[in-house]
C-alpha atoms as a PDB file:
ATOM      1  CA  UNK A   1      -9.676 -68.418   7.783  1.00  0.00           C
ATOM      2  CA  UNK A   2     -12.850 -69.710   6.212  1.00  0.00           C
ATOM      3  CA  UNK A   3     -13.355 -68.535   2.675  1.00  0.00           C
ATOM      4  CA  UNK A   4     -16.944 -68.457   1.759  1.00  0.00           C
ATOM      5  CA  UNK A   5     -17.414 -68.368  -1.991  1.00  0.00           C
ATOM      6  CA  UNK A   6     -20.659 -66.351  -2.891  1.00  0.00           C
ATOM      7  CA  UNK A   7     -22.020 -66.640  -6.352  1.00  0.00           C
ATOM      8  CA  UNK A   8     -25.247 -66.455  -8.388  1.00  0.00           C
ATOM      9  CA  UNK A   9     -26.541 -65.792 -12.185  1.00  0.00           C
ATOM     10  CA  UNK A  10     -27.051 -62.553 -13.189  1.00  0.00           C
ATOM     11  CA  UNK A  11     -30.336 -60.968 -11.743  1.00  0.00           C
ATOM     12  CA  UNK A  12     -30.423 -63.437  -8.830  1.00  0.00           C
ATOM     13  CA  UNK A  13     -29.758 -60.927  -5.945  1.00  0.00           C
ATOM     14  CA  UNK A  14     -25.936 -61.964  -5.323  1.00  0.00           C
ATOM     15  CA  UNK A  15     -25.059 -58.431  -4.700  1.00  0.00           C
ATOM     16  CA  UNK A  16     -27.633 -57.605  -2.421  1.00  0.00           C
ATOM     17  CA  UNK A  17     -26.532 -61.065  -0.374  1.00  0.00           C
ATOM     18  CA  UNK A  18     -22.805 -59.712  -0.145  1.00  0.00           C
ATOM     19  CA  UNK A  19     -23.928 -56.307   1.171  1.00  0.00           C
ATOM     20  CA  UNK A  20     -25.745 -58.143   3.955  1.00  0.00           C
ATOM     21  CA  UNK A  21     -22.717 -60.290   4.867  1.00  0.00           C
ATOM     22  CA  UNK A  22     -20.682 -57.237   5.057  1.00  0.00           C
ATOM     23  CA  UNK A  23     -23.045 -55.589   6.978  1.00  0.00           C
ATOM     24  CA  UNK A  24     -22.978 -58.288   9.379  1.00  0.00           C
ATOM     25  CA  UNK A  25     -19.490 -57.796   9.808  1.00  0.00           C
ATOM     26  CA  UNK A  26     -17.975 -60.632   7.273  1.00  0.00           C
ATOM     27  CA  UNK A  27     -15.182 -58.676   5.145  1.00  0.00           C
ATOM     28  CA  UNK A  28     -16.514 -59.126   1.469  1.00  0.00           C
ATOM     29  CA  UNK A  29     -14.175 -58.896  -1.789  1.00  0.00           C
ATOM     30  CA  UNK A  30     -16.692 -57.933  -4.266  1.00  0.00           C
ATOM     31  CA  UNK A  31     -15.296 -59.319  -7.732  1.00  0.00           C
ATOM     32  CA  UNK A  32     -17.656 -56.815  -9.723  1.00  0.00           C
ATOM     33  CA  UNK A  33     -16.483 -53.972  -7.686  1.00  0.00           C
ATOM     34  CA  UNK A  34     -12.740 -54.687  -8.315  1.00  0.00           C
ATOM     35  CA  UNK A  35     -13.395 -54.876 -12.145  1.00  0.00           C
ATOM     36  CA  UNK A  36     -15.278 -51.557 -12.271  1.00  0.00           C
ATOM     37  CA  UNK A  37     -12.104 -50.252 -10.540  1.00  0.00           C
ATOM     38  CA  UNK A  38      -9.860 -52.066 -13.015  1.00  0.00           C
ATOM     39  CA  UNK A  39     -11.687 -50.506 -15.949  1.00  0.00           C
ATOM     40  CA  UNK A  40     -11.043 -47.186 -14.590  1.00  0.00           C
ATOM     41  CA  UNK A  41      -7.425 -47.758 -14.260  1.00  0.00           C
ATOM     42  CA  UNK A  42      -4.845 -50.262 -15.136  1.00  0.00           C
ATOM     43  CA  UNK A  43      -6.884 -52.565 -17.250  1.00  0.00           C
ATOM     44  CA  UNK A  44      -8.059 -49.898 -19.525  1.00  0.00           C
ATOM     45  CA  UNK A  45      -5.008 -49.605 -21.713  1.00  0.00           C
ATOM     46  CA  UNK A  46      -4.889 -53.504 -21.946  1.00  0.00           C
ATOM     47  CA  UNK A  47      -8.612 -53.582 -23.032  1.00  0.00           C
ATOM     48  CA  UNK A  48      -8.432 -50.798 -25.424  1.00  0.00           C
ATOM     49  CA  UNK A  49      -5.446 -52.726 -27.088  1.00  0.00           C
ATOM     50  CA  UNK A  50      -7.453 -55.923 -27.415  1.00  0.00           C
ATOM     51  CA  UNK A  51     -10.447 -53.999 -28.104  1.00  0.00           C
ATOM     52  CA  UNK A  52      -9.887 -50.682 -30.345  1.00  0.00           C
ATOM     53  CA  UNK A  53     -12.090 -47.700 -29.432  1.00  0.00           C
ATOM     54  CA  UNK A  54     -13.235 -48.893 -26.076  1.00  0.00           C
ATOM     55  CA  UNK A  55     -11.190 -46.667 -23.699  1.00  0.00           C
ATOM     56  CA  UNK A  56     -12.700 -43.195 -23.171  1.00  0.00           C
ATOM     57  CA  UNK A  57     -11.160 -40.421 -20.847  1.00  0.00           C
ATOM     58  CA  UNK A  58      -8.730 -43.181 -19.121  1.00  0.00           C
ATOM     59  CA  UNK A  59     -11.385 -45.720 -18.604  1.00  0.00           C
ATOM     60  CA  UNK A  60     -13.379 -48.686 -20.430  1.00  0.00           C
ATOM     61  CA  UNK A  61     -16.654 -47.705 -21.984  1.00  0.00           C
ATOM     62  CA  UNK A  62     -18.584 -50.645 -21.017  1.00  0.00           C
ATOM     63  CA  UNK A  63     -21.451 -50.156 -23.469  1.00  0.00           C
ATOM     64  CA  UNK A  64     -18.891 -49.935 -26.360  1.00  0.00           C
ATOM     65  CA  UNK A  65     -17.133 -52.999 -24.757  1.00  0.00           C
ATOM     66  CA  UNK A  66     -20.424 -54.653 -24.709  1.00  0.00           C
ATOM     67  CA  UNK A  67     -21.489 -53.561 -28.163  1.00  0.00           C
ATOM     68  CA  UNK A  68     -18.068 -55.178 -29.426  1.00  0.00           C
ATOM     69  CA  UNK A  69     -18.437 -58.388 -27.601  1.00  0.00           C
ATOM     70  CA  UNK A  70     -22.195 -58.966 -28.835  1.00  0.00           C
ATOM     71  CA  UNK A  71     -20.550 -58.586 -32.774  1.00  0.00           C
ATOM     72  CA  UNK A  72     -17.766 -61.026 -31.636  1.00  0.00           C
ATOM     73  CA  UNK A  73     -18.755 -63.440 -28.698  1.00  0.00           C
ATOM     74  CA  UNK A  74     -15.219 -64.920 -29.151  1.00  0.00           C
ATOM     75  CA  UNK A  75     -13.884 -62.008 -27.570  1.00  0.00           C
ATOM     76  CA  UNK A  76     -14.790 -62.806 -24.028  1.00  0.00           C
ATOM     77  CA  UNK A  77     -11.903 -65.104 -24.073  1.00  0.00           C
ATOM     78  CA  UNK A  78      -9.566 -62.292 -24.982  1.00  0.00           C
ATOM     79  CA  UNK A  79     -11.039 -60.117 -22.225  1.00  0.00           C
ATOM     80  CA  UNK A  80     -11.229 -62.678 -19.772  1.00  0.00           C
ATOM     81  CA  UNK A  81      -7.278 -63.403 -20.254  1.00  0.00           C
ATOM     82  CA  UNK A  82      -6.621 -59.769 -19.435  1.00  0.00           C
ATOM     83  CA  UNK A  83      -8.763 -59.139 -16.750  1.00  0.00           C
ATOM     84  CA  UNK A  84      -9.022 -62.490 -14.566  1.00  0.00           C
ATOM     85  CA  UNK A  85      -5.375 -62.437 -13.502  1.00  0.00           C
ATOM     86  CA  UNK A  86      -5.790 -58.780 -12.287  1.00  0.00           C
ATOM     87  CA  UNK A  87      -8.922 -59.906 -10.297  1.00  0.00           C
ATOM     88  CA  UNK A  88      -7.029 -62.938  -8.826  1.00  0.00           C
ATOM     89  CA  UNK A  89      -4.471 -60.358  -7.826  1.00  0.00           C
ATOM     90  CA  UNK A  90      -6.604 -58.179  -6.137  1.00  0.00           C
ATOM     91  CA  UNK A  91      -8.302 -61.110  -4.265  1.00  0.00           C
ATOM     92  CA  UNK A  92      -4.978 -62.418  -3.137  1.00  0.00           C
ATOM     93  CA  UNK A  93      -4.130 -59.025  -1.819  1.00  0.00           C
ATOM     94  CA  UNK A  94      -7.749 -58.857  -0.033  1.00  0.00           C
ATOM     95  CA  UNK A  95      -7.073 -62.206   1.497  1.00  0.00           C
ATOM     96  CA  UNK A  96      -3.680 -60.986   2.757  1.00  0.00           C
ATOM     97  CA  UNK A  97      -4.903 -58.106   4.472  1.00  0.00           C
ATOM     98  CA  UNK A  98      -7.911 -59.915   5.998  1.00  0.00           C
ATOM     99  CA  UNK A  99      -5.580 -62.658   7.627  1.00  0.00           C
ATOM    100  CA  UNK A 100      -3.220 -60.009   8.799  1.00  0.00           C
ATOM    101  CA  UNK A 101      -6.268 -58.220  10.468  1.00  0.00           C
ATOM    102  CA  UNK A 102      -7.271 -61.861  12.182  1.00  0.00           C
ATOM    103  CA  UNK A 103     -10.449 -62.221  10.365  1.00  0.00           C
ATOM    104  CA  UNK A 104     -12.102 -65.399  11.060  1.00  0.00           C
ATOM    105  CA  UNK A 105     -13.999 -65.783   7.919  1.00  0.00           C
ATOM    106  CA  UNK A 106     -14.384 -63.720   4.531  1.00  0.00           C
ATOM    107  CA  UNK A 107     -16.648 -63.551   1.572  1.00  0.00           C
ATOM    108  CA  UNK A 108     -15.559 -63.962  -1.935  1.00  0.00           C
ATOM    109  CA  UNK A 109     -18.206 -62.658  -4.161  1.00  0.00           C
ATOM    110  CA  UNK A 110     -17.255 -64.509  -7.370  1.00  0.00           C
ATOM    111  CA  UNK A 111     -19.844 -64.604 -10.252  1.00  0.00           C
ATOM    112  CA  UNK A 112     -18.046 -66.946 -12.507  1.00  0.00           C
ATOM    113  CA  UNK A 113     -17.397 -69.122  -9.241  1.00  0.00           C
ATOM    114  CA  UNK A 114     -17.938 -72.140 -11.188  1.00  0.00           C
ATOM    115  CA  UNK A 115     -17.489 -71.369 -14.656  1.00  0.00           C
ATOM    116  CA  UNK A 116     -13.624 -70.607 -13.776  1.00  0.00           C
ATOM    117  CA  UNK A 117     -13.212 -73.154 -11.159  1.00  0.00           C
ATOM    118  CA  UNK A 118     -12.630 -70.722  -8.338  1.00  0.00           C
ATOM    119  CA  UNK A 119     -14.707 -72.990  -6.237  1.00  0.00           C
ATOM    120  CA  UNK A 120     -11.693 -75.016  -5.869  1.00  0.00           C
ATOM    121  CA  UNK A 121     -10.080 -72.486  -3.822  1.00  0.00           C
ATOM    122  CA  UNK A 122     -13.118 -71.575  -1.304  1.00  0.00           C
ATOM    123  CA  UNK A 123     -13.846 -73.661   1.433  1.00  0.00           C
ATOM    124  CA  UNK A 124     -18.049 -73.342   1.427  1.00  0.00           C
ATOM    125  CA  UNK A 125     -20.056 -72.301  -1.724  1.00  0.00           C
ATOM    126  CA  UNK A 126     -23.057 -69.908  -0.985  1.00  0.00           C
ATOM    127  CA  UNK A 127     -25.572 -69.768  -4.076  1.00  0.00           C
ATOM    128  CA  UNK A 128     -28.120 -66.718  -4.569  1.00  0.00           C
ATOM    129  CA  UNK A 129     -31.017 -67.885  -6.411  1.00  0.00           C
ATOM    130  CA  UNK A 130     -34.544 -66.717  -7.633  1.00  0.00           C
ATOM    131  CA  UNK A 131     -37.212 -68.222 -10.072  1.00  0.00           C
ATOM    132  CA  UNK A 132     -36.272 -67.451 -13.596  1.00  0.00           C
ATOM    133  CA  UNK A 133     -39.454 -65.247 -14.096  1.00  0.00           C
ATOM    134  CA  UNK A 134     -38.324 -62.883 -11.258  1.00  0.00           C
ATOM    135  CA  UNK A 135     -34.722 -62.936 -12.740  1.00  0.00           C
ATOM    136  CA  UNK A 136     -35.965 -61.874 -16.119  1.00  0.00           C
ATOM    137  CA  UNK A 137     -37.958 -59.141 -14.944  1.00  0.00           C
ATOM    138  CA  UNK A 138     -35.075 -57.725 -12.772  1.00  0.00           C
ATOM    139  CA  UNK A 139     -32.444 -58.002 -15.455  1.00  0.00           C
ATOM    140  CA  UNK A 140     -34.386 -56.561 -18.151  1.00  0.00           C
ATOM    141  CA  UNK A 141     -35.072 -53.688 -15.722  1.00  0.00           C
ATOM    142  CA  UNK A 142     -31.745 -52.877 -15.842  1.00  0.00           C
ATOM    143  CA  UNK A 143     -30.810 -49.708 -18.177  1.00  0.00           C
ATOM    144  CA  UNK A 144     -29.335 -50.717 -21.406  1.00  0.00           C
ATOM    145  CA  UNK A 145     -30.415 -54.450 -21.197  1.00  0.00           C
ATOM    146  CA  UNK A 146     -32.084 -56.387 -24.127  1.00  0.00           C
ATOM    147  CA  UNK A 147     -33.330 -59.887 -24.526  1.00  0.00           C
ATOM    148  CA  UNK A 148     -30.527 -60.804 -26.701  1.00  0.00           C
ATOM    149  CA  UNK A 149     -27.988 -59.491 -24.322  1.00  0.00           C
ATOM    150  CA  UNK A 150     -29.522 -61.126 -21.369  1.00  0.00           C
ATOM    151  CA  UNK A 151     -29.654 -64.599 -23.326  1.00  0.00           C
ATOM    152  CA  UNK A 152     -25.903 -64.094 -24.344  1.00  0.00           C
ATOM    153  CA  UNK A 153     -24.819 -63.545 -20.728  1.00  0.00           C
ATOM    154  CA  UNK A 154     -27.053 -66.743 -19.779  1.00  0.00           C
ATOM    155  CA  UNK A 155     -25.452 -68.907 -22.354  1.00  0.00           C
ATOM    156  CA  UNK A 156     -22.102 -68.015 -20.437  1.00  0.00           C
ATOM    157  CA  UNK A 157     -23.175 -68.937 -17.152  1.00  0.00           C
ATOM    158  CA  UNK A 158     -23.391 -72.479 -15.617  1.00  0.00           C
ATOM    159  CA  UNK A 159     -27.490 -73.012 -15.348  1.00  0.00           C
ATOM    160  CA  UNK A 160     -29.068 -71.989 -12.100  1.00  0.00           C
ATOM    161  CA  UNK A 161     -30.065 -75.429 -11.103  1.00  0.00           C
ATOM    162  CA  UNK A 162     -26.528 -76.780 -11.589  1.00  0.00           C
ATOM    163  CA  UNK A 163     -25.404 -74.010  -9.148  1.00  0.00           C
ATOM    164  CA  UNK A 164     -28.124 -74.942  -6.658  1.00  0.00           C
ATOM    165  CA  UNK A 165     -26.991 -78.559  -6.646  1.00  0.00           C
ATOM    166  CA  UNK A 166     -23.448 -77.616  -5.889  1.00  0.00           C
ATOM    167  CA  UNK A 167     -24.200 -75.202  -3.266  1.00  0.00           C
ATOM    168  CA  UNK A 168     -23.408 -75.882   0.503  1.00  0.00           C
ATOM    169  CA  UNK A 169     -25.601 -73.003   1.467  1.00  0.00           C
ATOM    170  CA  UNK A 170     -28.684 -71.493  -0.484  1.00  0.00           C
ATOM    171  CA  UNK A 171     -29.942 -68.145  -0.339  1.00  0.00           C
ATOM    172  CA  UNK A 172     -33.503 -67.523  -2.029  1.00  0.00           C
ATOM    173  CA  UNK A 173     -33.646 -64.033  -3.004  1.00  0.00           C
ATOM    174  CA  UNK A 174     -37.292 -63.984  -3.920  1.00  0.00           C
ATOM    175  CA  UNK A 175     -38.200 -63.092  -0.423  1.00  0.00           C
ATOM    176  CA  UNK A 176     -38.048 -59.734   1.390  1.00  0.00           C
ATOM    177  CA  UNK A 177     -34.890 -58.453   2.191  1.00  0.00           C
ATOM    178  CA  UNK A 178     -35.387 -58.805   5.654  1.00  0.00           C
ATOM    179  CA  UNK A 179     -35.979 -62.585   5.152  1.00  0.00           C
ATOM    180  CA  UNK A 180     -32.657 -62.492   2.907  1.00  0.00           C
ATOM    181  CA  UNK A 181     -31.085 -60.811   5.831  1.00  0.00           C
ATOM    182  CA  UNK A 182     -32.244 -63.528   8.240  1.00  0.00           C
ATOM    183  CA  UNK A 183     -31.079 -66.308   5.798  1.00  0.00           C
ATOM    184  CA  UNK A 184     -27.791 -64.911   5.661  1.00  0.00           C
ATOM    185  CA  UNK A 185     -27.303 -64.505   9.659  1.00  0.00           C
ATOM    186  CA  UNK A 186     -28.367 -68.135   9.703  1.00  0.00           C
ATOM    187  CA  UNK A 187     -25.532 -69.339   7.431  1.00  0.00           C
ATOM    188  CA  UNK A 188     -22.894 -67.119   9.573  1.00  0.00           C
ATOM    189  CA  UNK A 189     -24.045 -68.544  12.619  1.00  0.00           C
ATOM    190  CA  UNK A 190     -23.894 -72.075  11.327  1.00  0.00           C
ATOM    191  CA  UNK A 191     -20.267 -71.696   9.766  1.00  0.00           C
ATOM    192  CA  UNK A 192     -19.319 -70.133  13.174  1.00  0.00           C
ATOM    193  CA  UNK A 193     -20.312 -73.486  14.828  1.00  0.00           C
ATOM    194  CA  UNK A 194     -18.760 -75.770  12.217  1.00  0.00           C
ATOM    195  CA  UNK A 195     -15.417 -73.605  12.883  1.00  0.00           C
ATOM    196  CA  UNK A 196     -15.568 -74.222  16.629  1.00  0.00           C
ATOM    197  CA  UNK A 197     -16.026 -77.757  16.071  1.00  0.00           C
ATOM    198  CA  UNK A 198     -13.192 -77.825  14.027  1.00  0.00           C
ATOM    199  CA  UNK A 199     -14.807 -79.002  10.775  1.00  0.00           C
ATOM    200  CA  UNK A 200     -12.350 -76.660   8.515  1.00  0.00           C
ATOM    201  CA  UNK A 201      -8.801 -77.247   8.981  1.00  0.00           C
ATOM    202  CA  UNK A 202      -7.683 -73.767   7.805  1.00  0.00           C
ATOM    203  CA  UNK A 203     -10.042 -71.872   9.487  1.00  0.00           C
END
């Protein structure tokens, strides 16, 4: 089973690309969605213990957590130590289910693919990218986003140029959805051809 690592910096259109892979029939494990689910369940009391006052009605209040992290950026390490093992566990469960189902390839949507060395456990890397101005406009249009928060997030991410350099496949999301979908289908077709040629030993 081929494991596709899908990544891209904030505002680059990674989530949209992930949905297009899923619509094309490739099973998708969305790390962002997994974190949202964990914050509403098993991770909430653990996060609240590390960041008092962040749990409300049994779930993590993301705005309060963000406020505390802005005041103490060193807290990201504490948060990652709590969340990453839980996300990894969910990913392994997803892979086990898909192997049982006989999937030929899957997509692992991992925002911090390079930052956490997750690239080492995938077979190919797909990077979603757009120009810096488009990225800035998309991110600053989000509710609750500020220039300061945007810069803080960027500072923790591998630069887009480095991601592009390390990509096996690149998706330019600055174009239309139709063109992005066409690119996703091209990548899937190419990977199926490469699998058939035996280029991937475990696929």
